[in-house]
PDB file of N, CA and C in Angstrom:
ATOM      1  N   MET A   1      -6.329 -39.016  13.697  1.00  0.00           N
ATOM      2  CA  MET A   1      -6.405 -39.248  14.930  1.00  0.00           C
ATOM      3  C   MET A   1      -5.562 -38.066  15.768  1.00  0.00           C
ATOM      4  N   GLY A   2      -6.186 -37.237  16.558  1.00  0.00           N
ATOM      5  CA  GLY A   2      -5.150 -36.273  16.961  1.00  0.00           C
ATOM      6  C   GLY A   2      -4.143 -36.177  17.459  1.00  0.00           C
ATOM      7  N   LYS A   3      -3.396 -35.131  17.731  1.00  0.00           N
ATOM      8  CA  LYS A   3      -1.742 -35.359  18.108  1.00  0.00           C
ATOM      9  C   LYS A   3      -1.848 -34.898  19.534  1.00  0.00           C
ATOM     10  N   PRO A   4      -1.328 -35.706  20.314  1.00  0.00           N
ATOM     11  CA  PRO A   4      -1.082 -35.053  21.585  1.00  0.00           C
ATOM     12  C   PRO A   4      -0.529 -33.418  21.951  1.00  0.00           C
ATOM     13  N   LEU A   5      -0.820 -32.747  22.849  1.00  0.00           N
ATOM     14  CA  LEU A   5      -0.120 -31.548  22.896  1.00  0.00           C
ATOM     15  C   LEU A   5       0.116 -31.450  24.808  1.00  0.00           C
ATOM     16  N   MET A   6       1.696 -31.209  24.819  1.00  0.00           N
ATOM     17  CA  MET A   6       1.854 -31.023  25.865  1.00  0.00           C
ATOM     18  C   MET A   6       1.610 -29.390  26.616  1.00  0.00           C
ATOM     19  N   LEU A   7       1.134 -29.386  27.635  1.00  0.00           N
ATOM     20  CA  LEU A   7       1.174 -28.162  27.844  1.00  0.00           C
ATOM     21  C   LEU A   7       1.749 -27.858  29.577  1.00  0.00           C
ATOM     22  N   GLN A   8       1.756 -26.579  29.936  1.00  0.00           N
ATOM     23  CA  GLN A   8       2.400 -26.408  30.833  1.00  0.00           C
ATOM     24  C   GLN A   8       1.085 -26.225  32.199  1.00  0.00           C
ATOM     25  N   GLU A   9       1.292 -26.697  33.216  1.00  0.00           N
ATOM     26  CA  GLU A   9       0.544 -26.227  34.193  1.00  0.00           C
ATOM     27  C   GLU A   9      -0.225 -25.119  34.276  1.00  0.00           C
ATOM     28  N   ALA A  10       0.567 -23.676  34.057  1.00  0.00           N
ATOM     29  CA  ALA A  10      -0.043 -22.641  34.352  1.00  0.00           C
ATOM     30  C   ALA A  10      -0.939 -22.295  32.691  1.00  0.00           C
ATOM     31  N   ASP A  11      -0.651 -22.708  32.034  1.00  0.00           N
ATOM     32  CA  ASP A  11      -1.337 -22.776  30.188  1.00  0.00           C
ATOM     33  C   ASP A  11      -2.579 -23.652  30.723  1.00  0.00           C
ATOM     34  N   ASP A  12      -2.551 -24.588  31.154  1.00  0.00           N
ATOM     35  CA  ASP A  12      -3.861 -25.519  31.392  1.00  0.00           C
ATOM     36  C   ASP A  12      -4.812 -24.950  32.444  1.00  0.00           C
ATOM     37  N   GLU A  13      -4.219 -24.377  33.494  1.00  0.00           N
ATOM     38  CA  GLU A  13      -5.137 -23.287  34.300  1.00  0.00           C
ATOM     39  C   GLU A  13      -5.676 -22.133  33.607  1.00  0.00           C
ATOM     40  N   ARG A  14      -5.089 -21.662  32.576  1.00  0.00           N
ATOM     41  CA  ARG A  14      -5.848 -20.334  32.216  1.00  0.00           C
ATOM     42  C   ARG A  14      -6.754 -21.138  30.846  1.00  0.00           C
ATOM     43  N   ILE A  15      -6.388 -21.863  30.270  1.00  0.00           N
ATOM     44  CA  ILE A  15      -7.125 -22.680  29.476  1.00  0.00           C
ATOM     45  C   ILE A  15      -8.512 -23.366  29.973  1.00  0.00           C
ATOM     46  N   GLU A  16      -8.376 -23.800  31.514  1.00  0.00           N
ATOM     47  CA  GLU A  16      -9.390 -24.108  32.121  1.00  0.00           C
ATOM     48  C   GLU A  16     -10.236 -23.094  32.808  1.00  0.00           C
ATOM     49  N   SER A  17      -9.849 -21.886  32.823  1.00  0.00           N
ATOM     50  CA  SER A  17     -10.123 -20.451  33.441  1.00  0.00           C
ATOM     51  C   SER A  17     -11.052 -19.952  32.110  1.00  0.00           C
ATOM     52  N   LEU A  18     -10.843 -20.114  31.095  1.00  0.00           N
ATOM     53  CA  LEU A  18     -11.180 -19.630  30.061  1.00  0.00           C
ATOM     54  C   LEU A  18     -12.805 -20.490  29.229  1.00  0.00           C
ATOM     55  N   LYS A  19     -12.266 -21.523  30.006  1.00  0.00           N
ATOM     56  CA  LYS A  19     -13.662 -22.385  29.395  1.00  0.00           C
ATOM     57  C   LYS A  19     -14.440 -22.030  30.122  1.00  0.00           C
ATOM     58  N   LYS A  20     -14.593 -21.870  31.398  1.00  0.00           N
ATOM     59  CA  LYS A  20     -15.811 -21.775  32.115  1.00  0.00           C
ATOM     60  C   LYS A  20     -16.054 -20.428  31.597  1.00  0.00           C
ATOM     61  N   ARG A  21     -15.032 -19.488  31.667  1.00  0.00           N
ATOM     62  CA  ARG A  21     -15.658 -17.709  31.253  1.00  0.00           C
ATOM     63  C   ARG A  21     -16.394 -17.910  29.932  1.00  0.00           C
ATOM     64  N   LEU A  22     -16.043 -18.704  29.094  1.00  0.00           N
ATOM     65  CA  LEU A  22     -16.838 -18.858  27.788  1.00  0.00           C
ATOM     66  C   LEU A  22     -17.699 -19.837  27.380  1.00  0.00           C
ATOM     67  N   ASN A  23     -17.917 -20.532  28.756  1.00  0.00           N
ATOM     68  CA  ASN A  23     -18.975 -21.595  28.722  1.00  0.00           C
ATOM     69  C   ASN A  23     -18.569 -22.621  27.542  1.00  0.00           C
ATOM     70  N   ALA A  24     -17.788 -22.883  27.286  1.00  0.00           N
ATOM     71  CA  ALA A  24     -16.814 -23.941  26.129  1.00  0.00           C
ATOM     72  C   ALA A  24     -17.514 -25.314  26.709  1.00  0.00           C
ATOM     73  N   ARG A  25     -17.710 -26.238  26.147  1.00  0.00           N
ATOM     74  CA  ARG A  25     -17.584 -27.421  26.392  1.00  0.00           C
ATOM     75  C   ARG A  25     -16.545 -28.425  26.911  1.00  0.00           C
ATOM     76  N   THR A  26     -15.293 -28.002  25.625  1.00  0.00           N
ATOM     77  CA  THR A  26     -14.124 -28.943  25.779  1.00  0.00           C
ATOM     78  C   THR A  26     -12.800 -27.625  25.680  1.00  0.00           C
ATOM     79  N   LYS A  27     -11.711 -28.306  26.257  1.00  0.00           N
ATOM     80  CA  LYS A  27     -10.639 -27.227  26.135  1.00  0.00           C
ATOM     81  C   LYS A  27     -10.297 -27.042  24.737  1.00  0.00           C
ATOM     82  N   ILE A  28     -10.443 -27.622  23.595  1.00  0.00           N
ATOM     83  CA  ILE A  28     -10.407 -27.554  22.304  1.00  0.00           C
ATOM     84  C   ILE A  28     -11.051 -26.460  22.140  1.00  0.00           C
ATOM     85  N   ASP A  29     -12.643 -26.407  22.623  1.00  0.00           N
ATOM     86  CA  ASP A  29     -13.130 -25.238  22.017  1.00  0.00           C
ATOM     87  C   ASP A  29     -12.659 -23.822  22.331  1.00  0.00           C
ATOM     88  N   VAL A  30     -11.935 -23.975  23.343  1.00  0.00           N
ATOM     89  CA  VAL A  30     -10.946 -22.394  23.733  1.00  0.00           C
ATOM     90  C   VAL A  30      -9.689 -22.076  23.040  1.00  0.00           C
ATOM     91  N   VAL A  31      -9.052 -23.302  22.790  1.00  0.00           N
ATOM     92  CA  VAL A  31      -8.111 -23.331  21.882  1.00  0.00           C
ATOM     93  C   VAL A  31      -8.599 -23.297  20.513  1.00  0.00           C
ATOM     94  N   ARG A  32      -9.838 -23.770  19.536  1.00  0.00           N
ATOM     95  CA  ARG A  32      -9.638 -23.224  18.285  1.00  0.00           C
ATOM     96  C   ARG A  32     -10.368 -21.600  18.720  1.00  0.00           C
ATOM     97  N   SER A  33     -11.007 -21.493  19.527  1.00  0.00           N
ATOM     98  CA  SER A  33     -11.518 -19.786  19.225  1.00  0.00           C
ATOM     99  C   SER A  33     -10.653 -19.343  19.533  1.00  0.00           C
ATOM    100  N   ALA A  34      -9.526 -19.542  20.036  1.00  0.00           N
ATOM    101  CA  ALA A  34      -7.801 -18.541  20.414  1.00  0.00           C
ATOM    102  C   ALA A  34      -7.621 -18.544  18.968  1.00  0.00           C
ATOM    103  N   LEU A  35      -7.557 -20.043  18.202  1.00  0.00           N
ATOM    104  CA  LEU A  35      -6.707 -19.873  16.894  1.00  0.00           C
ATOM    105  C   LEU A  35      -7.316 -19.253  15.849  1.00  0.00           C
ATOM    106  N   ASP A  36      -8.933 -18.954  16.288  1.00  0.00           N
ATOM    107  CA  ASP A  36      -9.751 -18.271  14.904  1.00  0.00           C
ATOM    108  C   ASP A  36      -9.156 -16.908  15.282  1.00  0.00           C
ATOM    109  N   LEU A  37      -9.116 -16.422  16.435  1.00  0.00           N
ATOM    110  CA  LEU A  37      -8.673 -14.780  16.789  1.00  0.00           C
ATOM    111  C   LEU A  37      -7.545 -14.684  16.038  1.00  0.00           C
ATOM    112  N   LEU A  38      -6.686 -15.685  16.138  1.00  0.00           N
ATOM    113  CA  LEU A  38      -5.062 -15.055  15.497  1.00  0.00           C
ATOM    114  C   LEU A  38      -5.258 -15.486  14.144  1.00  0.00           C
ATOM    115  N   GLU A  39      -6.068 -16.022  13.802  1.00  0.00           N
ATOM    116  CA  GLU A  39      -5.974 -15.795  12.326  1.00  0.00           C
ATOM    117  C   GLU A  39      -6.844 -15.190  11.750  1.00  0.00           C
ATOM    118  N   ARG A  40      -7.592 -14.267  12.500  1.00  0.00           N
ATOM    119  CA  ARG A  40      -8.360 -12.954  12.108  1.00  0.00           C
ATOM    120  C   ARG A  40      -7.067 -12.169  11.980  1.00  0.00           C
ATOM    121  N   ASP A  41      -6.641 -11.725  13.195  1.00  0.00           N
ATOM    122  CA  ASP A  41      -5.656 -10.762  13.453  1.00  0.00           C
ATOM    123  C   ASP A  41      -4.587 -10.850  12.172  1.00  0.00           C
ATOM    124  N   ALA A  42      -4.237 -11.970  11.999  1.00  0.00           N
ATOM    125  CA  ALA A  42      -3.265 -12.057  10.796  1.00  0.00           C
ATOM    126  C   ALA A  42      -3.713 -11.956   9.532  1.00  0.00           C
ATOM    127  N   GLU A  43      -4.762 -12.410   9.131  1.00  0.00           N
ATOM    128  CA  GLU A  43      -5.536 -11.607   8.104  1.00  0.00           C
ATOM    129  C   GLU A  43      -5.581 -10.247   7.713  1.00  0.00           C
ATOM    130  N   ARG A  44      -6.180  -9.692   9.305  1.00  0.00           N
ATOM    131  CA  ARG A  44      -6.138  -8.029   9.007  1.00  0.00           C
ATOM    132  C   ARG A  44      -4.840  -7.632   8.670  1.00  0.00           C
ATOM    133  N   THR A  45      -3.890  -7.938   9.364  1.00  0.00           N
ATOM    134  CA  THR A  45      -2.709  -7.368   9.441  1.00  0.00           C
ATOM    135  C   THR A  45      -2.173  -7.298   7.576  1.00  0.00           C
ATOM    136  N   GLU A  46      -2.326  -8.629   7.118  1.00  0.00           N
ATOM    137  CA  GLU A  46      -1.835  -8.565   6.074  1.00  0.00           C
ATOM    138  C   GLU A  46      -2.804  -7.510   5.133  1.00  0.00           C
ATOM    139  N   ARG A  47      -4.358  -7.638   5.335  1.00  0.00           N
ATOM    140  CA  ARG A  47      -4.670  -6.604   4.798  1.00  0.00           C
ATOM    141  C   ARG A  47      -4.582  -4.936   4.839  1.00  0.00           C
ATOM    142  N   VAL A  48      -4.289  -4.637   5.708  1.00  0.00           N
ATOM    143  CA  VAL A  48      -3.378  -3.739   6.107  1.00  0.00           C
ATOM    144  C   VAL A  48      -2.226  -3.194   5.406  1.00  0.00           C
ATOM    145  N   ALA A  49      -1.355  -4.173   5.334  1.00  0.00           N
ATOM    146  CA  ALA A  49      -0.475  -4.130   4.080  1.00  0.00           C
ATOM    147  C   ALA A  49       0.121  -4.071   3.108  1.00  0.00           C
ATOM    148  N   ARG A  50      -1.202  -4.594   2.475  1.00  0.00           N
ATOM    149  CA  ARG A  50      -1.772  -4.340   1.140  1.00  0.00           C
ATOM    150  C   ARG A  50      -2.311  -3.312   0.843  1.00  0.00           C
ATOM    151  N   TRP A  51      -3.393  -2.770   1.993  1.00  0.00           N
ATOM    152  CA  TRP A  51      -3.978  -1.356   1.671  1.00  0.00           C
ATOM    153  C   TRP A  51      -2.664  -0.183   1.648  1.00  0.00           C
ATOM    154  N   ARG A  52      -1.654  -0.238   2.478  1.00  0.00           N
ATOM    155  CA  ARG A  52      -0.456   0.487   2.549  1.00  0.00           C
ATOM    156  C   ARG A  52       0.235   0.585   1.190  1.00  0.00           C
ATOM    157  N   LYS A  53       0.514  -0.690   0.775  1.00  0.00           N
ATOM    158  CA  LYS A  53       1.168  -0.582  -0.349  1.00  0.00           C
ATOM    159  C   LYS A  53       0.417   0.261  -1.745  1.00  0.00           C
ATOM    160  N   ALA A  54      -0.966  -0.363  -1.793  1.00  0.00           N
ATOM    161  CA  ALA A  54      -1.801  -0.090  -2.743  1.00  0.00           C
ATOM    162  C   ALA A  54      -1.619   1.597  -2.793  1.00  0.00           C
ATOM    163  N   ALA A  55      -1.863   2.040  -1.592  1.00  0.00           N
ATOM    164  CA  ALA A  55      -1.802   3.882  -1.379  1.00  0.00           C
ATOM    165  C   ALA A  55      -0.643   4.150  -1.626  1.00  0.00           C
ATOM    166  N   GLY A  56       0.356   3.513  -1.574  1.00  0.00           N
ATOM    167  CA  GLY A  56       1.831   4.096  -2.223  1.00  0.00           C
ATOM    168  C   GLY A  56       2.059   4.196  -3.641  1.00  0.00           C
ATOM    169  N   VAL A  57       1.260   3.188  -4.359  1.00  0.00           N
ATOM    170  CA  VAL A  57       1.390   3.035  -5.880  1.00  0.00           C
ATOM    171  C   VAL A  57       0.569   4.104  -6.204  1.00  0.00           C
ATOM    172  N   VAL A  58      -0.705   4.487  -5.841  1.00  0.00           N
ATOM    173  CA  VAL A  58      -1.506   5.269  -6.572  1.00  0.00           C
ATOM    174  C   VAL A  58      -1.430   7.248  -5.564  1.00  0.00           C
ATOM    175  N   ALA A  59      -0.481   6.787  -4.643  1.00  0.00           N
ATOM    176  CA  ALA A  59      -0.330   8.635  -3.949  1.00  0.00           C
ATOM    177  C   ALA A  59       0.212   9.406  -5.145  1.00  0.00           C
ATOM    178  N   PRO A  60       1.208   9.062  -6.097  1.00  0.00           N
ATOM    179  CA  PRO A  60       2.006  10.072  -6.815  1.00  0.00           C
ATOM    180  C   PRO A  60       0.717  10.884  -8.008  1.00  0.00           C
ATOM    181  N   GLU A  61      -0.280   9.790  -8.423  1.00  0.00           N
ATOM    182  CA  GLU A  61      -1.231  10.147  -9.478  1.00  0.00           C
ATOM    183  C   GLU A  61      -2.363  10.859  -8.378  1.00  0.00           C
ATOM    184  N   SER A  62      -2.680  10.676  -7.438  1.00  0.00           N
ATOM    185  CA  SER A  62      -3.348  11.024  -6.581  1.00  0.00           C
ATOM    186  C   SER A  62      -3.038  12.715  -6.309  1.00  0.00           C
ATOM    187  N   ARG A  63      -1.819  13.130  -5.875  1.00  0.00           N
ATOM    188  CA  ARG A  63      -1.380  13.950  -5.666  1.00  0.00           C
ATOM    189  C   ARG A  63      -1.566  15.020  -6.947  1.00  0.00           C
ATOM    190  N   ALA A  64      -0.911  14.563  -8.093  1.00  0.00           N
ATOM    191  CA  ALA A  64      -1.282  15.207  -9.208  1.00  0.00           C
ATOM    192  C   ALA A  64      -2.405  15.787  -9.695  1.00  0.00           C
ATOM    193  N   ALA A  65      -3.582  14.597  -9.464  1.00  0.00           N
ATOM    194  CA  ALA A  65      -4.922  15.019  -9.728  1.00  0.00           C
ATOM    195  C   ALA A  65      -5.305  16.084  -9.080  1.00  0.00           C
ATOM    196  N   LEU A  66      -4.875  16.198  -7.654  1.00  0.00           N
ATOM    197  CA  LEU A  66      -5.524  17.167  -6.500  1.00  0.00           C
ATOM    198  C   LEU A  66      -4.746  18.426  -7.013  1.00  0.00           C
ATOM    199  N   ARG A  67      -3.543  18.246  -7.756  1.00  0.00           N
ATOM    200  CA  ARG A  67      -2.616  19.551  -8.135  1.00  0.00           C
ATOM    201  C   ARG A  67      -3.709  20.419  -8.829  1.00  0.00           C
ATOM    202  N   ASP A  68      -4.202  19.605  -9.852  1.00  0.00           N
ATOM    203  CA  ASP A  68      -5.194  20.051 -11.252  1.00  0.00           C
ATOM    204  C   ASP A  68      -6.220  20.794 -10.523  1.00  0.00           C
ATOM    205  N   PHE A  69      -6.743  20.207  -9.083  1.00  0.00           N
ATOM    206  CA  PHE A  69      -8.034  21.070  -8.889  1.00  0.00           C
ATOM    207  C   PHE A  69      -7.843  22.301  -7.725  1.00  0.00           C
ATOM    208  N   ARG A  70      -6.606  22.295  -7.592  1.00  0.00           N
ATOM    209  CA  ARG A  70      -6.286  23.458  -6.332  1.00  0.00           C
ATOM    210  C   ARG A  70      -6.238  24.493  -7.005  1.00  0.00           C
ATOM    211  N   PRO A  71      -5.778  25.077  -8.209  1.00  0.00           N
ATOM    212  CA  PRO A  71      -5.716  26.451  -9.034  1.00  0.00           C
ATOM    213  C   PRO A  71      -7.247  27.209  -8.895  1.00  0.00           C
ATOM    214  N   GLY A  72      -8.414  26.445  -9.037  1.00  0.00           N
ATOM    215  CA  GLY A  72     -10.008  27.068  -8.907  1.00  0.00           C
ATOM    216  C   GLY A  72     -10.612  27.186  -7.354  1.00  0.00           C
ATOM    217  N   SER A  73      -9.548  26.495  -6.470  1.00  0.00           N
ATOM    218  CA  SER A  73     -10.097  26.646  -4.857  1.00  0.00           C
ATOM    219  C   SER A  73     -10.638  27.413  -4.369  1.00  0.00           C
ATOM    220  N   ARG A  74     -11.704  27.364  -4.046  1.00  0.00           N
ATOM    221  CA  ARG A  74     -12.512  28.169  -3.523  1.00  0.00           C
ATOM    222  C   ARG A  74     -12.040  28.848  -1.835  1.00  0.00           C
ATOM    223  N   LEU A  75     -11.107  28.182  -1.388  1.00  0.00           N
ATOM    224  CA  LEU A  75     -10.610  27.912   0.178  1.00  0.00           C
ATOM    225  C   LEU A  75      -9.301  29.251  -0.492  1.00  0.00           C
ATOM    226  N   ARG A  76      -8.574  29.396  -1.480  1.00  0.00           N
ATOM    227  CA  ARG A  76      -7.725  30.728  -1.903  1.00  0.00           C
ATOM    228  C   ARG A  76      -8.273  31.847  -1.779  1.00  0.00           C
ATOM    229  N   ARG A  77      -9.613  31.658  -2.715  1.00  0.00           N
ATOM    230  CA  ARG A  77     -10.242  33.001  -2.866  1.00  0.00           C
ATOM    231  C   ARG A  77     -10.784  33.741  -1.735  1.00  0.00           C
ATOM    232  N   LEU A  78     -11.190  32.891  -0.476  1.00  0.00           N
ATOM    233  CA  LEU A  78     -11.626  33.770   0.827  1.00  0.00           C
ATOM    234  C   LEU A  78     -10.516  34.463   1.602  1.00  0.00           C
ATOM    235  N   ASP A  79      -9.216  34.120   1.198  1.00  0.00           N
ATOM    236  CA  ASP A  79      -8.149  35.166   1.911  1.00  0.00           C
ATOM    237  C   ASP A  79      -8.370  36.286   1.772  1.00  0.00           C
TER     238      ASP A  79
END
């Protein structure tokens, strides 16, 4: 069985308004939609943090590889 949730009047009005705008059948459909969005946002934030960490780990090696290619750069020969 579900657990009762105490909502303030203003929150209930917001849910009702969203229910109409989203053509949701029930209030819980609105809440579930909000939870899905929050979950996706949290996953994206975690994924970006992992990308940043990975980029920090490989940055020194990447810089070294770029230095290896710079001496023969055509851009320097154009000056």
